[in-house]
Amino acid sequence: MIPNLTTFESRDALMSAAAERMADALQAGIAARGSACIALSGGSTPAPAYACLAAMTLDWPKVMLALVDERFVPVTDEASNEALVRRTMADAFAAGAGFEPMFAPLPAVAEAADAAEPAYRKLTIDVALLGMGEDGHTASWFPGVPALGNALDLSNPRTVMAVHAPQAAGSPDRLTLTRSAISRAGRVILLITGDEKRARLEQALQNSDAPVSALFAPNMPAPEALWAA
């Protein structure tokens, strides 16, 4: 049983609905504070939703785009989440949206996390869009890695931290928002596709055997789980 789950008949409908929810959250932020921020995840799954969002008529100069996590690679690398966002959200950037990078060309990923921390700590995230890997990871909270405990610790004062995950695709060195940072988001959307991922999420929530289950724990904004086969 997945709490707050909405299912869609097609992936196109799923992506459109995700874009509408993200836009609603951004518009609410602009109405409340005069600005808004969205944290976006990488991977191929959400790309169509980003394109849908970027095509919408919003007050883009008042919107800051940020990342949920990033691979420790330059934007010229095909594995870069920033590159994905810049490509799929091109219309939003052309309309004046801002961007807060996580990656910095420093010798070590921990140094890049330290460099990103001050700017990310200041962000008020209206909505965070997350996905889930087949191993049950979300953001760059990978099962079994040494940094996982700190990443999930709600008392962790960090907003961005470095993670080394040998099993991670694209780059084993990652930067990620902590769970304490995600807990401060106005809304959290979890976007998943396929029967296997739905079954994996159900298992994770039943057994608490994967990091994604931490999103559904107390003291977190209840995720809006969106799924299509």
C-alpha atoms as a PDB file:
ATOM      1  CA  MET A   1       0.000   0.000   0.000  1.00  0.00           C
ATOM      2  CA  ILE A   2       1.480   3.318  -1.110  1.00  0.00           C
ATOM      3  CA  PRO A   3       0.023   6.352   0.688  1.00  0.00           C
ATOM      4  CA  ASN A   4      -1.241   9.263  -1.395  1.00  0.00           C
ATOM      5  CA  LEU A   5      -0.751   7.363  -4.671  1.00  0.00           C
ATOM      6  CA  THR A   6      -2.289   8.599  -7.909  1.00  0.00           C
ATOM      7  CA  THR A   7      -2.162   6.305 -10.929  1.00  0.00           C
ATOM      8  CA  PHE A   8      -2.402   7.375 -14.562  1.00  0.00           C
ATOM      9  CA  GLU A   9      -3.469   5.510 -17.672  1.00  0.00           C
ATOM     10  CA  SER A  10      -0.397   6.554 -19.627  1.00  0.00           C
ATOM     11  CA  ARG A  11       3.054   7.971 -19.065  1.00  0.00           C
ATOM     12  CA  ASP A  12       2.101  11.042 -21.070  1.00  0.00           C
ATOM     13  CA  ALA A  13      -0.736  11.719 -18.641  1.00  0.00           C
ATOM     14  CA  LEU A  14       1.631  11.117 -15.725  1.00  0.00           C
ATOM     15  CA  MET A  15       4.179  13.614 -17.009  1.00  0.00           C
ATOM     16  CA  SER A  16       1.521  16.226 -17.708  1.00  0.00           C
ATOM     17  CA  ALA A  17       0.087  15.833 -14.209  1.00  0.00           C
ATOM     18  CA  ALA A  18       3.525  16.081 -12.620  1.00  0.00           C
ATOM     19  CA  ALA A  19       4.201  19.292 -14.543  1.00  0.00           C
ATOM     20  CA  GLU A  20       0.883  20.757 -13.444  1.00  0.00           C
ATOM     21  CA  ARG A  21       1.633  19.986  -9.795  1.00  0.00           C
ATOM     22  CA  MET A  22       5.088  21.532 -10.048  1.00  0.00           C
ATOM     23  CA  ALA A  23       3.646  24.632 -11.706  1.00  0.00           C
ATOM     24  CA  ASP A  24       0.976  24.964  -9.005  1.00  0.00           C
ATOM     25  CA  ALA A  25       3.634  24.868  -6.294  1.00  0.00           C
ATOM     26  CA  LEU A  26       5.760  27.470  -8.072  1.00  0.00           C
ATOM     27  CA  GLN A  27       2.806  29.774  -8.570  1.00  0.00           C
ATOM     28  CA  ALA A  28       1.934  29.460  -4.878  1.00  0.00           C
ATOM     29  CA  GLY A  29       5.498  30.364  -3.922  1.00  0.00           C
ATOM     30  CA  ILE A  30       5.469  33.407  -6.179  1.00  0.00           C
ATOM     31  CA  ALA A  31       2.124  34.511  -4.738  1.00  0.00           C
ATOM     32  CA  ALA A  32       3.342  34.089  -1.154  1.00  0.00           C
ATOM     33  CA  ARG A  33       6.911  35.423  -1.361  1.00  0.00           C
ATOM     34  CA  GLY A  34       7.401  36.952  -4.780  1.00  0.00           C
ATOM     35  CA  SER A  35       9.726  34.113  -5.799  1.00  0.00           C
ATOM     36  CA  ALA A  36       9.766  30.333  -5.967  1.00  0.00           C
ATOM     37  CA  CYS A  37      12.207  27.433  -6.099  1.00  0.00           C
ATOM     38  CA  ILE A  38      11.997  23.886  -7.410  1.00  0.00           C
ATOM     39  CA  ALA A  39      14.510  21.095  -6.804  1.00  0.00           C
ATOM     40  CA  LEU A  40      14.751  18.641  -9.699  1.00  0.00           C
ATOM     41  CA  SER A  41      16.159  15.125  -9.915  1.00  0.00           C
ATOM     42  CA  GLY A  42      18.114  13.581 -12.774  1.00  0.00           C
ATOM     43  CA  GLY A  43      17.487  10.406 -14.705  1.00  0.00           C
ATOM     44  CA  SER A  44      15.561   9.751 -17.878  1.00  0.00           C
ATOM     45  CA  THR A  45      12.152   9.261 -16.229  1.00  0.00           C
ATOM     46  CA  PRO A  46      11.273  12.883 -15.350  1.00  0.00           C
ATOM     47  CA  ALA A  47      12.647  14.518 -18.518  1.00  0.00           C
ATOM     48  CA  PRO A  48       9.246  14.680 -20.305  1.00  0.00           C
ATOM     49  CA  ALA A  49       7.687  16.273 -17.201  1.00  0.00           C
ATOM     50  CA  TYR A  50      10.380  18.945 -17.221  1.00  0.00           C
ATOM     51  CA  ALA A  51       9.721  19.702 -20.865  1.00  0.00           C
ATOM     52  CA  CYS A  52       6.001  20.033 -20.103  1.00  0.00           C
ATOM     53  CA  LEU A  53       6.729  22.351 -17.197  1.00  0.00           C
ATOM     54  CA  ALA A  54       9.110  24.521 -19.214  1.00  0.00           C
ATOM     55  CA  ALA A  55       6.439  25.043 -21.869  1.00  0.00           C
ATOM     56  CA  MET A  56       4.006  26.491 -19.331  1.00  0.00           C
ATOM     57  CA  THR A  57       3.410  30.203 -18.926  1.00  0.00           C
ATOM     58  CA  LEU A  58       4.900  31.110 -15.550  1.00  0.00           C
ATOM     59  CA  ASP A  59       6.659  34.173 -14.207  1.00  0.00           C
ATOM     60  CA  TRP A  60       9.972  32.455 -14.904  1.00  0.00           C
ATOM     61  CA  PRO A  61      12.280  35.319 -13.843  1.00  0.00           C
ATOM     62  CA  LYS A  62      10.940  34.762 -10.320  1.00  0.00           C
ATOM     63  CA  VAL A  63      11.728  31.010 -10.383  1.00  0.00           C
ATOM     64  CA  MET A  64      14.976  29.392  -9.251  1.00  0.00           C
ATOM     65  CA  LEU A  65      15.747  25.899 -10.507  1.00  0.00           C
ATOM     66  CA  ALA A  66      17.902  23.769  -8.225  1.00  0.00           C
ATOM     67  CA  LEU A  67      18.887  20.114  -7.970  1.00  0.00           C
ATOM     68  CA  VAL A  68      17.938  17.285  -5.619  1.00  0.00           C
ATOM     69  CA  ASP A  69      21.272  15.632  -6.382  1.00  0.00           C
ATOM     70  CA  GLU A  70      24.130  15.778  -8.834  1.00  0.00           C
ATOM     71  CA  ARG A  71      26.896  13.594 -10.137  1.00  0.00           C
ATOM     72  CA  PHE A  72      30.419  14.903  -9.532  1.00  0.00           C
ATOM     73  CA  VAL A  73      30.985  15.558 -13.213  1.00  0.00           C
ATOM     74  CA  PRO A  74      31.129  18.802 -15.240  1.00  0.00           C
ATOM     75  CA  VAL A  75      28.089  20.027 -17.134  1.00  0.00           C
ATOM     76  CA  THR A  76      29.773  18.913 -20.367  1.00  0.00           C
ATOM     77  CA  ASP A  77      29.504  15.270 -19.217  1.00  0.00           C
ATOM     78  CA  GLU A  78      26.435  13.416 -20.483  1.00  0.00           C
ATOM     79  CA  ALA A  79      25.862  12.110 -16.939  1.00  0.00           C
ATOM     80  CA  SER A  80      25.414  15.628 -15.534  1.00  0.00           C
ATOM     81  CA  ASN A  81      22.007  16.327 -13.992  1.00  0.00           C
ATOM     82  CA  GLU A  82      22.556  20.025 -14.574  1.00  0.00           C
ATOM     83  CA  ALA A  83      22.976  19.298 -18.280  1.00  0.00           C
ATOM     84  CA  LEU A  84      19.691  17.353 -18.285  1.00  0.00           C
ATOM     85  CA  VAL A  85      17.857  20.215 -16.591  1.00  0.00           C
ATOM     86  CA  ARG A  86      19.357  22.833 -18.894  1.00  0.00           C
ATOM     87  CA  ARG A  87      18.362  20.774 -21.922  1.00  0.00           C
ATOM     88  CA  THR A  88      14.816  19.847 -20.892  1.00  0.00           C
ATOM     89  CA  MET A  89      14.035  23.211 -19.267  1.00  0.00           C
ATOM     90  CA  ALA A  90      15.515  25.288 -22.098  1.00  0.00           C
ATOM     91  CA  ASP A  91      12.276  27.210 -22.638  1.00  0.00           C
ATOM     92  CA  ALA A  92      12.188  28.205 -18.963  1.00  0.00           C
ATOM     93  CA  PHE A  93      15.783  29.401 -19.062  1.00  0.00           C
ATOM     94  CA  ALA A  94      15.055  31.367 -22.217  1.00  0.00           C
ATOM     95  CA  ALA A  95      12.160  32.997 -20.366  1.00  0.00           C
ATOM     96  CA  GLY A  96      14.421  34.070 -17.492  1.00  0.00           C
ATOM     97  CA  ALA A  97      14.498  31.243 -14.938  1.00  0.00           C
ATOM     98  CA  GLY A  98      17.551  31.098 -12.685  1.00  0.00           C
ATOM     99  CA  PHE A  99      19.649  28.100 -11.739  1.00  0.00           C
ATOM    100  CA  GLU A 100      21.638  27.095  -8.652  1.00  0.00           C
ATOM    101  CA  PRO A 101      24.307  24.500  -9.521  1.00  0.00           C
ATOM    102  CA  MET A 102      25.580  21.836  -7.145  1.00  0.00           C
ATOM    103  CA  PHE A 103      28.697  20.828  -9.033  1.00  0.00           C
ATOM    104  CA  ALA A 104      31.836  22.917  -8.783  1.00  0.00           C
ATOM    105  CA  PRO A 105      35.168  22.060 -10.473  1.00  0.00           C
ATOM    106  CA  LEU A 106      37.040  21.366  -7.252  1.00  0.00           C
ATOM    107  CA  PRO A 107      39.514  18.558  -6.457  1.00  0.00           C
ATOM    108  CA  ALA A 108      37.134  16.542  -4.265  1.00  0.00           C
ATOM    109  CA  VAL A 109      33.386  15.983  -4.071  1.00  0.00           C
ATOM    110  CA  ALA A 110      33.360  16.973  -0.388  1.00  0.00           C
ATOM    111  CA  GLU A 111      34.802  20.348  -1.360  1.00  0.00           C
ATOM    112  CA  ALA A 112      32.070  20.780  -3.952  1.00  0.00           C
ATOM    113  CA  ALA A 113      29.441  19.985  -1.318  1.00  0.00           C
ATOM    114  CA  ASP A 114      30.959  22.608   0.987  1.00  0.00           C
ATOM    115  CA  ALA A 115      30.917  25.129  -1.856  1.00  0.00           C
ATOM    116  CA  ALA A 116      27.248  24.437  -2.669  1.00  0.00           C
ATOM    117  CA  GLU A 117      26.089  24.459   0.945  1.00  0.00           C
ATOM    118  CA  PRO A 118      25.751  28.238   1.581  1.00  0.00           C
ATOM    119  CA  ALA A 119      23.627  28.909  -1.498  1.00  0.00           C
ATOM    120  CA  TYR A 120      21.448  25.826  -1.050  1.00  0.00           C
ATOM    121  CA  ARG A 121      20.912  26.544   2.633  1.00  0.00           C
ATOM    122  CA  LYS A 122      19.295  29.855   1.674  1.00  0.00           C
ATOM    123  CA  LEU A 123      16.805  28.317  -0.753  1.00  0.00           C
ATOM    124  CA  THR A 124      13.156  27.977   0.163  1.00  0.00           C
ATOM    125  CA  ILE A 125      12.162  24.910  -1.844  1.00  0.00           C
ATOM    126  CA  ASP A 126       8.503  25.042  -2.795  1.00  0.00           C
ATOM    127  CA  VAL A 127       8.524  21.625  -4.456  1.00  0.00           C
ATOM    128  CA  ALA A 128      11.011  18.799  -4.832  1.00  0.00           C
ATOM    129  CA  LEU A 129      10.607  16.244  -7.627  1.00  0.00           C
ATOM    130  CA  LEU A 130      12.160  12.883  -6.781  1.00  0.00           C
ATOM    131  CA  GLY A 131      12.408   9.527  -8.483  1.00  0.00           C
ATOM    132  CA  MET A 132      13.398   6.054  -7.320  1.00  0.00           C
ATOM    133  CA  GLY A 133      15.934   3.564  -8.591  1.00  0.00           C
ATOM    134  CA  GLU A 134      15.361  -0.166  -8.823  1.00  0.00           C
ATOM    135  CA  ASP A 135      17.466  -0.587  -5.671  1.00  0.00           C
ATOM    136  CA  GLY A 136      15.099   1.688  -3.749  1.00  0.00           C
ATOM    137  CA  HIS A 137      17.361   4.731  -3.670  1.00  0.00           C
ATOM    138  CA  THR A 138      16.036   8.240  -4.049  1.00  0.00           C
ATOM    139  CA  ALA A 139      18.031  11.459  -4.364  1.00  0.00           C
ATOM    140  CA  SER A 140      21.569  10.071  -3.940  1.00  0.00           C
ATOM    141  CA  TRP A 141      20.631   8.118  -0.834  1.00  0.00           C
ATOM    142  CA  PHE A 142      21.999   4.744  -1.893  1.00  0.00           C
ATOM    143  CA  PRO A 143      21.527   1.626   0.229  1.00  0.00           C
ATOM    144  CA  GLY A 144      24.553   0.403   2.116  1.00  0.00           C
ATOM    145  CA  VAL A 145      26.849   3.395   1.633  1.00  0.00           C
ATOM    146  CA  PRO A 146      28.708   4.815   4.656  1.00  0.00           C
ATOM    147  CA  ALA A 147      27.174   8.281   4.316  1.00  0.00           C
ATOM    148  CA  LEU A 148      23.564   7.048   4.288  1.00  0.00           C
ATOM    149  CA  GLY A 149      22.989   7.495   8.003  1.00  0.00           C
ATOM    150  CA  ASN A 150      24.059  11.131   7.896  1.00  0.00           C
ATOM    151  CA  ALA A 151      22.077  11.763   4.725  1.00  0.00           C
ATOM    152  CA  LEU A 152      18.883  10.487   6.370  1.00  0.00           C
ATOM    153  CA  ASP A 153      19.439  12.042   9.810  1.00  0.00           C
ATOM    154  CA  LEU A 154      16.763  14.705  10.287  1.00  0.00           C
ATOM    155  CA  SER A 155      18.991  16.453  12.840  1.00  0.00           C
ATOM    156  CA  ASN A 156      21.793  16.836  10.293  1.00  0.00           C
ATOM    157  CA  PRO A 157      22.296  20.600   9.837  1.00  0.00           C
ATOM    158  CA  ARG A 158      23.689  20.133   6.328  1.00  0.00           C
ATOM    159  CA  THR A 159      21.617  20.905   3.264  1.00  0.00           C
ATOM    160  CA  VAL A 160      24.060  19.398   0.734  1.00  0.00           C
ATOM    161  CA  MET A 161      26.468  16.553   1.404  1.00  0.00           C
ATOM    162  CA  ALA A 162      28.858  14.338  -0.497  1.00  0.00           C
ATOM    163  CA  VAL A 163      28.150  10.647  -1.029  1.00  0.00           C
ATOM    164  CA  HIS A 164      30.394   7.923  -2.452  1.00  0.00           C
ATOM    165  CA  ALA A 165      28.322   5.095  -3.917  1.00  0.00           C
ATOM    166  CA  PRO A 166      30.303   2.590  -6.044  1.00  0.00           C
ATOM    167  CA  GLN A 167      27.055   1.201  -7.478  1.00  0.00           C
ATOM    168  CA  ALA A 168      25.758   4.593  -8.688  1.00  0.00           C
ATOM    169  CA  ALA A 169      25.422   5.063 -12.433  1.00  0.00           C
ATOM    170  CA  GLY A 170      27.221   7.924 -14.113  1.00  0.00           C
ATOM    171  CA  SER A 171      29.592   8.666 -11.247  1.00  0.00           C
ATOM    172  CA  PRO A 172      30.210   7.022  -7.881  1.00  0.00           C
ATOM    173  CA  ASP A 173      30.791  10.452  -6.334  1.00  0.00           C
ATOM    174  CA  ARG A 174      27.584  12.379  -5.770  1.00  0.00           C
ATOM    175  CA  LEU A 175      26.232  15.522  -4.174  1.00  0.00           C
ATOM    176  CA  THR A 176      22.778  15.300  -2.645  1.00  0.00           C
ATOM    177  CA  LEU A 177      20.242  17.147  -0.587  1.00  0.00           C
ATOM    178  CA  THR A 178      19.925  15.650   2.873  1.00  0.00           C
ATOM    179  CA  ARG A 179      16.623  14.383   4.216  1.00  0.00           C
ATOM    180  CA  SER A 180      16.549  17.330   6.602  1.00  0.00           C
ATOM    181  CA  ALA A 181      16.676  19.626   3.560  1.00  0.00           C
ATOM    182  CA  ILE A 182      13.901  17.702   1.792  1.00  0.00           C
ATOM    183  CA  SER A 183      11.828  17.859   5.001  1.00  0.00           C
ATOM    184  CA  ARG A 184      11.706  21.643   4.634  1.00  0.00           C
ATOM    185  CA  ALA A 185      10.249  21.515   1.097  1.00  0.00           C
ATOM    186  CA  GLY A 186       6.711  22.752   0.674  1.00  0.00           C
ATOM    187  CA  ARG A 187       5.732  19.739  -1.431  1.00  0.00           C
ATOM    188  CA  VAL A 188       7.421  16.494  -2.406  1.00  0.00           C
ATOM    189  CA  ILE A 189       6.476  14.620  -5.573  1.00  0.00           C
ATOM    190  CA  LEU A 190       7.711  11.066  -6.102  1.00  0.00           C
ATOM    191  CA  LEU A 191       7.512  10.112  -9.769  1.00  0.00           C
ATOM    192  CA  ILE A 192       7.787   6.424 -10.674  1.00  0.00           C
ATOM    193  CA  THR A 193       7.000   4.307 -13.719  1.00  0.00           C
ATOM    194  CA  GLY A 194       6.637   0.597 -14.379  1.00  0.00           C
ATOM    195  CA  ASP A 195       5.291  -2.345 -12.417  1.00  0.00           C
ATOM    196  CA  GLU A 196       8.702  -3.299 -11.022  1.00  0.00           C
ATOM    197  CA  LYS A 197       9.317   0.065  -9.410  1.00  0.00           C
ATOM    198  CA  ARG A 198       5.815   0.179  -7.968  1.00  0.00           C
ATOM    199  CA  ALA A 199       6.344  -3.253  -6.419  1.00  0.00           C
ATOM    200  CA  ARG A 200       9.751  -2.172  -5.089  1.00  0.00           C
ATOM    201  CA  LEU A 201       8.246   0.912  -3.463  1.00  0.00           C
ATOM    202  CA  GLU A 202       5.485  -1.152  -1.879  1.00  0.00           C
ATOM    203  CA  GLN A 203       8.118  -3.548  -0.515  1.00  0.00           C
ATOM    204  CA  ALA A 204      10.222  -0.680   0.818  1.00  0.00           C
ATOM    205  CA  LEU A 205       7.281   0.840   2.645  1.00  0.00           C
ATOM    206  CA  GLN A 206       6.256  -2.511   4.103  1.00  0.00           C
ATOM    207  CA  ASN A 207       9.729  -3.553   5.256  1.00  0.00           C
ATOM    208  CA  SER A 208      11.604  -0.223   5.554  1.00  0.00           C
ATOM    209  CA  ASP A 209      14.406  -1.927   3.622  1.00  0.00           C
ATOM    210  CA  ALA A 210      15.327   0.883   1.214  1.00  0.00           C
ATOM    211  CA  PRO A 211      16.176   4.575   1.561  1.00  0.00           C
ATOM    212  CA  VAL A 212      13.061   5.708  -0.327  1.00  0.00           C
ATOM    213  CA  SER A 213      10.962   4.674   2.669  1.00  0.00           C
ATOM    214  CA  ALA A 214      12.527   7.557   4.623  1.00  0.00           C
ATOM    215  CA  LEU A 215      10.489   9.981   2.512  1.00  0.00           C
ATOM    216  CA  PHE A 216       7.303   8.572   4.030  1.00  0.00           C
ATOM    217  CA  ALA A 217       8.457   8.747   7.651  1.00  0.00           C
ATOM    218  CA  PRO A 218       6.973  11.135  10.243  1.00  0.00           C
ATOM    219  CA  ASN A 219       8.189  14.744  10.207  1.00  0.00           C
ATOM    220  CA  MET A 220       8.358  14.684   6.414  1.00  0.00           C
ATOM    221  CA  PRO A 221       5.994  16.424   3.980  1.00  0.00           C
ATOM    222  CA  ALA A 222       3.756  13.588   2.791  1.00  0.00           C
ATOM    223  CA  PRO A 223       4.991  12.692  -0.706  1.00  0.00           C
ATOM    224  CA  GLU A 224       2.575  12.789  -3.612  1.00  0.00           C
ATOM    225  CA  ALA A 225       3.338   9.480  -5.334  1.00  0.00           C
ATOM    226  CA  LEU A 226       2.524   9.536  -9.040  1.00  0.00           C
ATOM    227  CA  TRP A 227       2.705   6.326 -11.096  1.00  0.00           C
ATOM    228  CA  ALA A 228       1.980   4.947 -14.545  1.00  0.00           C
ATOM    229  CA  ALA A 229       2.855   1.600 -16.030  1.00  0.00           C
END
